[in-house]
Amino acid sequence: MPLYEHVFLARQDVSTQAVDALIAQYKTIVEGLGGQVTKIENWGLKSLAYRIKKNRKAHYALMNIDAPAAAVAEIERQQRLSEDVLRALTIRVDELEEGPSVMLQKRDRDERRDDRRGERGDRGDRGDRGPRRDRAPRRDEEFGEEENA
């Protein structure tokens, strides 16, 4: 059977549980038509590059599918009918990736980076600035008030 990577975007006001329910619904469709879903990744709520149907954010989800073309066509038809799905993209691939996708690897890397920074952000170990030094005298004070007279 052909192999597919399928990514869809759900509206931002849909809960994470509703997105999981959508994924489960599409998985049952694939399995009912003789295929299988080998990997499911919920990438979470992310900002969009541009507004889609008045939404600035969307829930991203990835499904790796090993199914006949009819199953993928049925998923895409169901997603076009659903008001919760903003966009969908299905790509036929020669082989499916094992392990986490690049998006999940990036999220894990970002979380590790945030853990290293701690409370101080990216300032590292600079410490406090210390007391404020006196400023240099202003030009009027330097020359006295002769210029203003």
C-alpha atoms as a PDB file:
ATOM      1  CA  MET A   1       0.000   0.000   0.000  1.00  0.00           C
ATOM      2  CA  PRO A   2       1.149   3.577  -0.567  1.00  0.00           C
ATOM      3  CA  LEU A   3       2.607   5.591   2.304  1.00  0.00           C
ATOM      4  CA  TYR A   4       1.420   9.106   3.139  1.00  0.00           C
ATOM      5  CA  GLU A   5       2.287  11.924   5.504  1.00  0.00           C
ATOM      6  CA  HIS A   6      -0.835  13.890   6.356  1.00  0.00           C
ATOM      7  CA  VAL A   7      -0.787  17.213   8.250  1.00  0.00           C
ATOM      8  CA  PHE A   8      -3.888  19.187   9.128  1.00  0.00           C
ATOM      9  CA  LEU A   9      -4.578  22.441  10.949  1.00  0.00           C
ATOM     10  CA  ALA A  10      -7.510  22.793  13.336  1.00  0.00           C
ATOM     11  CA  ARG A  11      -9.008  26.099  14.501  1.00  0.00           C
ATOM     12  CA  GLN A  12      -7.421  27.832  17.489  1.00  0.00           C
ATOM     13  CA  ASP A  13     -10.600  27.887  19.579  1.00  0.00           C
ATOM     14  CA  VAL A  14     -10.966  24.092  19.431  1.00  0.00           C
ATOM     15  CA  SER A  15      -9.706  22.367  22.591  1.00  0.00           C
ATOM     16  CA  THR A  16      -6.811  19.928  22.579  1.00  0.00           C
ATOM     17  CA  GLN A  17      -9.233  17.130  23.485  1.00  0.00           C
ATOM     18  CA  ALA A  18     -11.347  17.979  20.427  1.00  0.00           C
ATOM     19  CA  VAL A  19      -8.218  17.815  18.229  1.00  0.00           C
ATOM     20  CA  ASP A  20      -7.429  14.398  19.720  1.00  0.00           C
ATOM     21  CA  ALA A  21     -11.024  13.353  18.944  1.00  0.00           C
ATOM     22  CA  LEU A  22     -10.582  14.495  15.319  1.00  0.00           C
ATOM     23  CA  ILE A  23      -7.370  12.465  15.062  1.00  0.00           C
ATOM     24  CA  ALA A  24      -9.135   9.405  16.478  1.00  0.00           C
ATOM     25  CA  GLN A  25     -12.024   9.888  14.035  1.00  0.00           C
ATOM     26  CA  TYR A  26      -9.670  10.031  11.043  1.00  0.00           C
ATOM     27  CA  LYS A  27      -7.730   7.031  12.350  1.00  0.00           C
ATOM     28  CA  THR A  28     -10.920   4.939  12.496  1.00  0.00           C
ATOM     29  CA  ILE A  29     -11.750   5.974   8.918  1.00  0.00           C
ATOM     30  CA  VAL A  30      -8.336   4.788   7.712  1.00  0.00           C
ATOM     31  CA  GLU A  31      -8.559   1.513   9.615  1.00  0.00           C
ATOM     32  CA  GLY A  32     -12.116   0.941   8.386  1.00  0.00           C
ATOM     33  CA  LEU A  33     -10.952   1.221   4.786  1.00  0.00           C
ATOM     34  CA  GLY A  34      -8.124  -1.295   5.209  1.00  0.00           C
ATOM     35  CA  GLY A  35      -5.179   0.910   6.161  1.00  0.00           C
ATOM     36  CA  GLN A  36      -3.262   1.745   9.276  1.00  0.00           C
ATOM     37  CA  VAL A  37      -1.924   4.874  10.954  1.00  0.00           C
ATOM     38  CA  THR A  38       1.675   4.215  11.959  1.00  0.00           C
ATOM     39  CA  LYS A  39       2.424   7.474  13.788  1.00  0.00           C
ATOM     40  CA  ILE A  40       0.385  10.339  15.230  1.00  0.00           C
ATOM     41  CA  GLU A  41       1.944  13.576  16.447  1.00  0.00           C
ATOM     42  CA  ASN A  42       0.064  16.496  17.915  1.00  0.00           C
ATOM     43  CA  TRP A  43       2.341  19.513  17.474  1.00  0.00           C
ATOM     44  CA  GLY A  44       0.121  21.795  19.524  1.00  0.00           C
ATOM     45  CA  LEU A  45      -1.049  25.370  19.040  1.00  0.00           C
ATOM     46  CA  LYS A  46       1.251  27.393  16.778  1.00  0.00           C
ATOM     47  CA  SER A  47       1.100  30.793  15.114  1.00  0.00           C
ATOM     48  CA  LEU A  48       0.241  30.931  11.428  1.00  0.00           C
ATOM     49  CA  ALA A  49       2.310  32.886   8.919  1.00  0.00           C
ATOM     50  CA  TYR A  50      -0.888  34.587   7.720  1.00  0.00           C
ATOM     51  CA  ARG A  51      -4.533  34.577   8.702  1.00  0.00           C
ATOM     52  CA  ILE A  52      -6.624  31.660   7.487  1.00  0.00           C
ATOM     53  CA  LYS A  53     -10.389  32.058   7.823  1.00  0.00           C
ATOM     54  CA  LYS A  54      -9.877  34.788  10.458  1.00  0.00           C
ATOM     55  CA  ASN A  55      -7.562  32.610  12.578  1.00  0.00           C
ATOM     56  CA  ARG A  56      -4.055  33.655  13.581  1.00  0.00           C
ATOM     57  CA  LYS A  57      -3.174  30.362  15.324  1.00  0.00           C
ATOM     58  CA  ALA A  58      -3.978  26.709  14.711  1.00  0.00           C
ATOM     59  CA  HIS A  59      -3.510  23.264  16.228  1.00  0.00           C
ATOM     60  CA  TYR A  60      -1.119  21.246  14.050  1.00  0.00           C
ATOM     61  CA  ALA A  61      -1.339  17.431  13.784  1.00  0.00           C
ATOM     62  CA  LEU A  62       0.672  14.902  11.756  1.00  0.00           C
ATOM     63  CA  MET A  63      -0.428  11.403  10.776  1.00  0.00           C
ATOM     64  CA  ASN A  64       1.758   8.843   9.004  1.00  0.00           C
ATOM     65  CA  ILE A  65      -0.608   6.650   6.999  1.00  0.00           C
ATOM     66  CA  ASP A  66      -0.142   3.304   5.280  1.00  0.00           C
ATOM     67  CA  ALA A  67      -3.421   2.965   3.398  1.00  0.00           C
ATOM     68  CA  PRO A  68      -5.015   2.773  -0.051  1.00  0.00           C
ATOM     69  CA  ALA A  69      -5.732   6.003  -1.892  1.00  0.00           C
ATOM     70  CA  ALA A  70      -9.467   5.678  -1.216  1.00  0.00           C
ATOM     71  CA  ALA A  71      -8.882   5.982   2.535  1.00  0.00           C
ATOM     72  CA  VAL A  72      -6.836   9.152   2.116  1.00  0.00           C
ATOM     73  CA  ALA A  73      -9.451  10.595  -0.232  1.00  0.00           C
ATOM     74  CA  GLU A  74     -12.150   9.912   2.375  1.00  0.00           C
ATOM     75  CA  ILE A  75     -10.128  11.629   5.125  1.00  0.00           C
ATOM     76  CA  GLU A  76      -9.618  14.675   2.909  1.00  0.00           C
ATOM     77  CA  ARG A  77     -13.344  14.736   2.065  1.00  0.00           C
ATOM     78  CA  GLN A  78     -14.270  14.589   5.760  1.00  0.00           C
ATOM     79  CA  GLN A  79     -11.845  17.404   6.536  1.00  0.00           C
ATOM     80  CA  ARG A  80     -13.284  19.617   3.806  1.00  0.00           C
ATOM     81  CA  LEU A  81     -16.717  19.144   5.397  1.00  0.00           C
ATOM     82  CA  SER A  82     -15.495  19.866   8.922  1.00  0.00           C
ATOM     83  CA  GLU A  83     -15.591  23.476  10.089  1.00  0.00           C
ATOM     84  CA  ASP A  84     -12.858  22.784  12.644  1.00  0.00           C
ATOM     85  CA  VAL A  85     -10.199  21.945  10.029  1.00  0.00           C
ATOM     86  CA  LEU A  86      -8.622  24.990   8.367  1.00  0.00           C
ATOM     87  CA  ARG A  87      -6.135  23.312   6.011  1.00  0.00           C
ATOM     88  CA  ALA A  88      -4.856  19.839   5.203  1.00  0.00           C
ATOM     89  CA  LEU A  89      -1.885  18.564   3.223  1.00  0.00           C
ATOM     90  CA  THR A  90      -1.242  14.977   2.179  1.00  0.00           C
ATOM     91  CA  ILE A  91       2.045  13.936   0.630  1.00  0.00           C
ATOM     92  CA  ARG A  92       2.867  10.510  -0.772  1.00  0.00           C
ATOM     93  CA  VAL A  93       6.313   9.377   0.384  1.00  0.00           C
ATOM     94  CA  ASP A  94       8.586   6.450  -0.471  1.00  0.00           C
ATOM     95  CA  GLU A  95       9.154   5.566   3.186  1.00  0.00           C
ATOM     96  CA  LEU A  96       7.864   6.861   6.496  1.00  0.00           C
ATOM     97  CA  GLU A  97      10.222   8.478   9.014  1.00  0.00           C
ATOM     98  CA  GLU A  98      10.909   6.580  12.202  1.00  0.00           C
ATOM     99  CA  GLY A  99      11.128   8.442  15.500  1.00  0.00           C
ATOM    100  CA  PRO A 100       9.988  11.990  16.211  1.00  0.00           C
ATOM    101  CA  SER A 101       9.508  14.439  13.358  1.00  0.00           C
ATOM    102  CA  VAL A 102      11.600  17.555  12.903  1.00  0.00           C
ATOM    103  CA  MET A 103       8.898  19.685  14.540  1.00  0.00           C
ATOM    104  CA  LEU A 104       8.963  17.614  17.733  1.00  0.00           C
ATOM    105  CA  GLN A 105      12.765  17.593  17.769  1.00  0.00           C
ATOM    106  CA  LYS A 106      12.727  21.396  17.518  1.00  0.00           C
ATOM    107  CA  ARG A 107      10.230  21.692  20.375  1.00  0.00           C
ATOM    108  CA  ASP A 108      12.346  19.394  22.577  1.00  0.00           C
ATOM    109  CA  ARG A 109      15.482  21.386  21.745  1.00  0.00           C
ATOM    110  CA  ASP A 110      13.735  24.672  22.594  1.00  0.00           C
ATOM    111  CA  GLU A 111      12.489  23.265  25.913  1.00  0.00           C
ATOM    112  CA  ARG A 112      16.002  22.116  26.864  1.00  0.00           C
ATOM    113  CA  ARG A 113      17.384  25.554  25.974  1.00  0.00           C
ATOM    114  CA  ASP A 114      14.768  27.242  28.179  1.00  0.00           C
ATOM    115  CA  ASP A 115      15.642  24.911  31.073  1.00  0.00           C
ATOM    116  CA  ARG A 116      19.318  25.857  30.849  1.00  0.00           C
ATOM    117  CA  ARG A 117      18.591  29.587  30.894  1.00  0.00           C
ATOM    118  CA  GLY A 118      16.637  29.502  34.137  1.00  0.00           C
ATOM    119  CA  GLU A 119      14.962  32.613  35.493  1.00  0.00           C
ATOM    120  CA  ARG A 120      17.477  35.133  34.137  1.00  0.00           C
ATOM    121  CA  GLY A 121      16.698  34.531  30.468  1.00  0.00           C
ATOM    122  CA  ASP A 122      19.677  34.632  28.135  1.00  0.00           C
ATOM    123  CA  ARG A 123      21.711  37.014  30.369  1.00  0.00           C
ATOM    124  CA  GLY A 124      23.587  34.125  31.893  1.00  0.00           C
ATOM    125  CA  ASP A 125      25.654  34.749  35.014  1.00  0.00           C
ATOM    126  CA  ARG A 126      26.175  38.529  34.790  1.00  0.00           C
ATOM    127  CA  GLY A 127      24.859  39.240  38.269  1.00  0.00           C
ATOM    128  CA  ASP A 128      23.406  42.545  39.419  1.00  0.00           C
ATOM    129  CA  ARG A 129      24.462  45.830  37.852  1.00  0.00           C
ATOM    130  CA  GLY A 130      25.493  47.397  41.136  1.00  0.00           C
ATOM    131  CA  PRO A 131      25.036  51.041  42.158  1.00  0.00           C
ATOM    132  CA  ARG A 132      24.531  53.689  39.500  1.00  0.00           C
ATOM    133  CA  ARG A 133      27.585  55.782  38.739  1.00  0.00           C
ATOM    134  CA  ASP A 134      27.353  59.559  38.651  1.00  0.00           C
ATOM    135  CA  ARG A 135      26.826  61.002  35.222  1.00  0.00           C
ATOM    136  CA  ALA A 136      29.204  63.438  33.627  1.00  0.00           C
ATOM    137  CA  PRO A 137      28.134  67.072  34.158  1.00  0.00           C
ATOM    138  CA  ARG A 138      25.760  68.557  31.625  1.00  0.00           C
ATOM    139  CA  ARG A 139      27.034  71.181  29.231  1.00  0.00           C
ATOM    140  CA  ASP A 140      25.172  74.055  30.971  1.00  0.00           C
ATOM    141  CA  GLU A 141      26.666  73.104  34.330  1.00  0.00           C
ATOM    142  CA  GLU A 142      30.110  72.780  32.803  1.00  0.00           C
ATOM    143  CA  PHE A 143      30.260  76.329  31.451  1.00  0.00           C
ATOM    144  CA  GLY A 144      28.143  77.928  34.132  1.00  0.00           C
ATOM    145  CA  GLU A 145      25.211  80.143  33.363  1.00  0.00           C
ATOM    146  CA  GLU A 146      27.143  82.673  31.336  1.00  0.00           C
ATOM    147  CA  GLU A 147      25.698  81.435  28.054  1.00  0.00           C
ATOM    148  CA  ASN A 148      22.105  81.903  29.220  1.00  0.00           C
ATOM    149  CA  ALA A 149      22.665  85.483  30.493  1.00  0.00           C
END
